[in-house]
Amino acid sequence: MATTDTSWRELAGWLAVVGPQHVPTRMALITGALPREAVYPDTRDWPALHASLADLLTRRQEQLAARERDGAPR
């Protein structure tokens, strides 16, 4: 498996927030290739998730702008 800057927890968060609107994810649910719990997990003990993909993207842009102001690499 390739290494990335993205943790599995972040990917799970993306799947829980955006997965239901993502066509390939929906197809994987329909065909049974992906269990329902992957997209609709019990998130009671998770950190707070973004409310939507738009919210996530807005927050990410804010993070990148702050890094740029601070001179940190993207």
Protein backbone atom coordinates (compact mmCIF):
# COMPACT_ATOMS: atom_id res chain seq x y z
CA MET A 1 0.00 0.00 0.00
CA ALA A 2 1.26 3.46 -0.86
CA THR A 3 1.84 5.97 1.90
CA THR A 4 -0.13 9.18 1.91
CA ASP A 5 -0.54 12.25 4.10
CA THR A 6 -4.13 11.17 4.69
CA SER A 7 -4.91 9.00 7.70
CA TRP A 8 -7.46 6.19 7.56
CA ARG A 9 -9.50 8.17 10.10
CA GLU A 10 -9.69 11.13 7.69
CA LEU A 11 -10.76 8.83 4.88
CA ALA A 12 -13.45 7.32 7.09
CA GLY A 13 -14.65 10.83 7.90
CA TRP A 14 -14.83 11.71 4.20
CA LEU A 15 -16.78 8.52 3.51
CA ALA A 16 -19.24 9.25 6.34
CA VAL A 17 -19.81 12.87 5.20
CA VAL A 18 -19.56 12.66 1.40
CA GLY A 19 -19.98 8.97 0.64
CA PRO A 20 -23.77 9.00 0.29
CA GLN A 21 -23.50 11.61 -2.51
CA HIS A 22 -20.52 9.96 -4.27
CA VAL A 23 -21.79 7.90 -7.21
CA PRO A 24 -19.05 5.19 -7.14
CA THR A 25 -19.62 4.79 -3.40
CA ARG A 26 -23.36 4.47 -3.92
CA MET A 27 -22.77 1.84 -6.60
CA ALA A 28 -20.47 -0.07 -4.25
CA LEU A 29 -23.26 -0.05 -1.65
CA ILE A 30 -25.84 -1.25 -4.17
CA THR A 31 -23.65 -4.11 -5.38
CA GLY A 32 -22.61 -5.09 -1.86
CA ALA A 33 -18.93 -4.34 -2.49
CA LEU A 34 -19.02 -1.87 0.41
CA PRO A 35 -20.86 -2.54 3.67
CA ARG A 36 -23.52 -0.02 4.72
CA GLU A 37 -21.63 0.60 7.98
CA ALA A 38 -18.72 2.07 6.00
CA VAL A 39 -20.90 4.92 4.76
CA TYR A 40 -23.32 5.15 7.68
CA PRO A 41 -21.10 4.41 10.71
CA ASP A 42 -21.94 4.97 14.34
CA THR A 43 -20.04 8.25 14.82
CA ARG A 44 -20.99 8.92 18.45
CA ASP A 45 -17.41 8.39 19.65
CA TRP A 46 -15.77 10.14 16.65
CA PRO A 47 -14.41 13.66 16.61
CA ALA A 48 -16.74 16.23 15.07
CA LEU A 49 -17.14 15.82 11.31
CA HIS A 50 -17.71 18.51 8.71
CA ALA A 51 -21.39 19.02 7.93
CA SER A 52 -20.90 18.70 4.16
CA LEU A 53 -18.35 18.51 1.38
CA ALA A 54 -18.70 22.28 0.86
CA ASP A 55 -17.90 22.85 4.55
CA LEU A 56 -14.88 20.53 4.32
CA LEU A 57 -13.55 22.29 1.21
CA THR A 58 -14.02 25.72 2.75
CA ARG A 59 -12.13 24.67 5.87
CA ARG A 60 -9.35 23.12 3.77
CA GLN A 61 -8.93 26.35 1.80
CA GLU A 62 -8.67 28.24 5.09
CA GLN A 63 -5.98 25.81 6.29
CA LEU A 64 -3.99 26.18 3.08
CA ALA A 65 -4.23 29.98 3.20
CA ALA A 66 -3.01 29.98 6.81
CA ARG A 67 -0.05 27.75 5.88
CA GLU A 68 0.83 30.05 3.01
CA ARG A 69 0.71 33.10 5.31
CA ASP A 70 2.93 31.27 7.82
CA GLY A 71 5.38 30.19 5.09
CA ALA A 72 4.77 26.48 5.68
CA PRO A 73 4.71 24.05 2.74
CA ARG A 74 1.33 22.96 1.39
